[in-house]
N, C-alpha and C. Protein backbone atom coordinates (compact mmCIF):
# COMPACT_ATOMS: atom_id res chain seq x y z
N MET A 1 0.83 -1.20 0.00
CA MET A 1 0.00 0.00 0.00
C MET A 1 0.87 1.26 0.00
N LEU A 2 1.91 1.25 0.84
CA LEU A 2 2.79 2.40 0.93
C LEU A 2 3.58 2.60 -0.35
N ASN A 3 4.00 1.48 -0.98
CA ASN A 3 4.74 1.58 -2.23
C ASN A 3 3.88 2.17 -3.34
N ALA A 4 2.59 1.82 -3.34
CA ALA A 4 1.67 2.36 -4.34
C ALA A 4 1.52 3.87 -4.16
N THR A 5 1.50 4.33 -2.94
CA THR A 5 1.38 5.76 -2.67
C THR A 5 2.61 6.51 -3.17
N PHE A 6 3.80 5.96 -2.87
CA PHE A 6 5.03 6.59 -3.34
C PHE A 6 5.13 6.56 -4.86
N ALA A 7 4.67 5.48 -5.48
CA ALA A 7 4.69 5.39 -6.94
C ALA A 7 3.77 6.45 -7.54
N TYR A 8 2.60 6.63 -6.94
CA TYR A 8 1.66 7.64 -7.43
C TYR A 8 2.27 9.04 -7.34
N ILE A 9 2.88 9.34 -6.21
CA ILE A 9 3.50 10.67 -6.02
C ILE A 9 4.63 10.86 -7.02
N ASP A 10 5.43 9.82 -7.23
CA ASP A 10 6.55 9.91 -8.18
C ASP A 10 6.03 10.15 -9.60
N GLU A 11 4.98 9.44 -9.99
CA GLU A 11 4.40 9.63 -11.32
C GLU A 11 3.78 11.02 -11.46
N ALA A 12 3.16 11.53 -10.41
CA ALA A 12 2.58 12.87 -10.45
C ALA A 12 3.67 13.92 -10.65
N ILE A 13 4.79 13.76 -9.97
CA ILE A 13 5.91 14.70 -10.12
C ILE A 13 6.46 14.63 -11.54
N GLN A 14 6.57 13.43 -12.10
CA GLN A 14 7.05 13.29 -13.48
C GLN A 14 6.11 13.99 -14.46
N GLU A 15 4.82 13.88 -14.25
CA GLU A 15 3.86 14.54 -15.12
C GLU A 15 3.96 16.06 -15.00
N LEU A 16 4.17 16.56 -13.79
CA LEU A 16 4.30 18.01 -13.60
C LEU A 16 5.52 18.56 -14.32
N GLU A 17 6.57 17.75 -14.46
CA GLU A 17 7.76 18.19 -15.18
C GLU A 17 7.49 18.31 -16.68
N LEU A 18 6.47 17.63 -17.20
CA LEU A 18 6.14 17.69 -18.61
C LEU A 18 5.21 18.85 -18.96
N VAL A 19 4.64 19.48 -17.94
CA VAL A 19 3.69 20.57 -18.17
C VAL A 19 4.41 21.77 -18.75
N ARG A 20 3.79 22.39 -19.75
CA ARG A 20 4.35 23.62 -20.33
C ARG A 20 3.69 24.79 -19.58
N TRP A 21 4.42 25.34 -18.62
CA TRP A 21 3.88 26.40 -17.78
C TRP A 21 3.87 27.71 -18.55
N PRO A 22 2.86 28.57 -18.31
CA PRO A 22 2.82 29.86 -19.00
C PRO A 22 3.92 30.79 -18.49
N THR A 23 4.30 31.71 -19.37
CA THR A 23 5.27 32.73 -18.96
C THR A 23 4.57 33.71 -18.02
N ARG A 24 5.36 34.56 -17.39
CA ARG A 24 4.78 35.56 -16.49
C ARG A 24 3.83 36.48 -17.25
N GLN A 25 4.25 36.89 -18.46
CA GLN A 25 3.41 37.78 -19.26
C GLN A 25 2.09 37.11 -19.64
N GLN A 26 2.14 35.83 -20.01
CA GLN A 26 0.91 35.12 -20.34
C GLN A 26 0.00 34.99 -19.12
N ALA A 27 0.59 34.69 -17.98
CA ALA A 27 -0.20 34.53 -16.76
C ALA A 27 -0.88 35.84 -16.37
N VAL A 28 -0.16 36.95 -16.49
CA VAL A 28 -0.74 38.26 -16.16
C VAL A 28 -1.86 38.59 -17.13
N ARG A 29 -1.63 38.35 -18.44
CA ARG A 29 -2.65 38.66 -19.44
C ARG A 29 -3.90 37.81 -19.24
N LEU A 30 -3.72 36.52 -18.99
CA LEU A 30 -4.87 35.65 -18.78
C LEU A 30 -5.61 36.00 -17.49
N SER A 31 -4.88 36.39 -16.47
CA SER A 31 -5.53 36.82 -15.22
C SER A 31 -6.36 38.08 -15.44
N ALA A 32 -5.84 39.00 -16.26
CA ALA A 32 -6.58 40.22 -16.57
C ALA A 32 -7.86 39.89 -17.34
N VAL A 33 -7.78 38.94 -18.25
CA VAL A 33 -8.96 38.52 -19.02
C VAL A 33 -10.01 37.93 -18.08
N VAL A 34 -9.58 37.08 -17.16
CA VAL A 34 -10.51 36.47 -16.21
C VAL A 34 -11.14 37.53 -15.32
N LEU A 35 -10.33 38.48 -14.84
CA LEU A 35 -10.85 39.54 -13.99
C LEU A 35 -11.86 40.41 -14.74
N ALA A 36 -11.54 40.76 -15.99
CA ALA A 36 -12.45 41.58 -16.79
C ALA A 36 -13.75 40.84 -17.04
N PHE A 37 -13.67 39.58 -17.40
CA PHE A 37 -14.89 38.79 -17.63
C PHE A 37 -15.73 38.70 -16.37
N THR A 38 -15.08 38.53 -15.23
CA THR A 38 -15.80 38.44 -13.96
C THR A 38 -16.52 39.75 -13.65
N LEU A 39 -15.85 40.86 -13.86
CA LEU A 39 -16.47 42.16 -13.60
C LEU A 39 -17.64 42.43 -14.54
N VAL A 40 -17.47 42.12 -15.83
CA VAL A 40 -18.54 42.36 -16.81
C VAL A 40 -19.73 41.46 -16.52
N SER A 41 -19.48 40.19 -16.25
CA SER A 41 -20.60 39.29 -15.98
C SER A 41 -21.29 39.65 -14.67
N SER A 42 -20.54 40.10 -13.67
CA SER A 42 -21.15 40.53 -12.40
C SER A 42 -22.06 41.73 -12.63
N ALA A 43 -21.59 42.68 -13.43
CA ALA A 43 -22.41 43.86 -13.73
C ALA A 43 -23.68 43.45 -14.48
N ALA A 44 -23.54 42.54 -15.43
CA ALA A 44 -24.70 42.10 -16.20
C ALA A 44 -25.71 41.38 -15.29
N PHE A 45 -25.22 40.51 -14.43
CA PHE A 45 -26.13 39.83 -13.51
C PHE A 45 -26.77 40.81 -12.54
N GLY A 46 -26.03 41.84 -12.13
CA GLY A 46 -26.60 42.86 -11.26
C GLY A 46 -27.73 43.63 -11.92
N VAL A 47 -27.56 43.96 -13.19
CA VAL A 47 -28.60 44.67 -13.93
C VAL A 47 -29.83 43.79 -14.08
N VAL A 48 -29.62 42.52 -14.44
CA VAL A 48 -30.76 41.60 -14.58
C VAL A 48 -31.47 41.44 -13.24
N ASP A 49 -30.70 41.31 -12.16
CA ASP A 49 -31.30 41.17 -10.83
C ASP A 49 -32.13 42.40 -10.47
N PHE A 50 -31.59 43.58 -10.76
CA PHE A 50 -32.32 44.81 -10.46
C PHE A 50 -33.62 44.87 -11.25
N ILE A 51 -33.58 44.54 -12.53
CA ILE A 51 -34.79 44.58 -13.36
C ILE A 51 -35.82 43.58 -12.87
N LEU A 52 -35.38 42.35 -12.61
CA LEU A 52 -36.33 41.34 -12.15
C LEU A 52 -36.92 41.68 -10.79
N SER A 53 -36.11 42.22 -9.89
CA SER A 53 -36.66 42.59 -8.58
C SER A 53 -37.64 43.75 -8.71
N SER A 54 -37.39 44.67 -9.63
CA SER A 54 -38.33 45.77 -9.85
C SER A 54 -39.65 45.25 -10.41
N VAL A 55 -39.58 44.28 -11.31
CA VAL A 55 -40.80 43.70 -11.88
C VAL A 55 -41.58 42.97 -10.80
N VAL A 56 -40.90 42.20 -9.97
CA VAL A 56 -41.59 41.47 -8.90
C VAL A 56 -42.19 42.45 -7.90
N ARG A 57 -41.44 43.50 -7.55
CA ARG A 57 -41.96 44.50 -6.61
C ARG A 57 -43.22 45.17 -7.19
N PHE A 58 -43.21 45.48 -8.49
CA PHE A 58 -44.36 46.09 -9.14
C PHE A 58 -45.56 45.13 -9.12
N LEU A 59 -45.32 43.86 -9.45
CA LEU A 59 -46.42 42.90 -9.45
C LEU A 59 -46.99 42.68 -8.07
N LEU A 60 -46.13 42.69 -7.07
CA LEU A 60 -46.63 42.54 -5.69
C LEU A 60 -47.41 43.76 -5.24
N SER A 61 -47.04 44.93 -5.73
CA SER A 61 -47.78 46.13 -5.36
C SER A 61 -49.18 46.12 -5.96
N LEU A 62 -49.35 45.46 -7.09
CA LEU A 62 -50.67 45.34 -7.70
C LEU A 62 -51.54 44.38 -6.94
N ALA A 63 -50.94 43.37 -6.31
CA ALA A 63 -51.69 42.35 -5.61
C ALA A 63 -52.21 42.84 -4.25
N PHE A 64 -51.52 43.76 -3.65
CA PHE A 64 -51.91 44.20 -2.30
C PHE A 64 -52.46 45.57 -2.32
């Protein structure tokens, strides 16, 4: 059991050595893209939430 664990860890390390890691510039650029997408999608969801809550509030005001 212990040998299987060490073999797994050894194979995982070997696989990590084969990974083509991004350069610093690529990592910064991709992080900026992710951040921009997150901000834009958050704003879009906020607008949709505001519109839907206004519609629900209006419909509830008609009921009472």
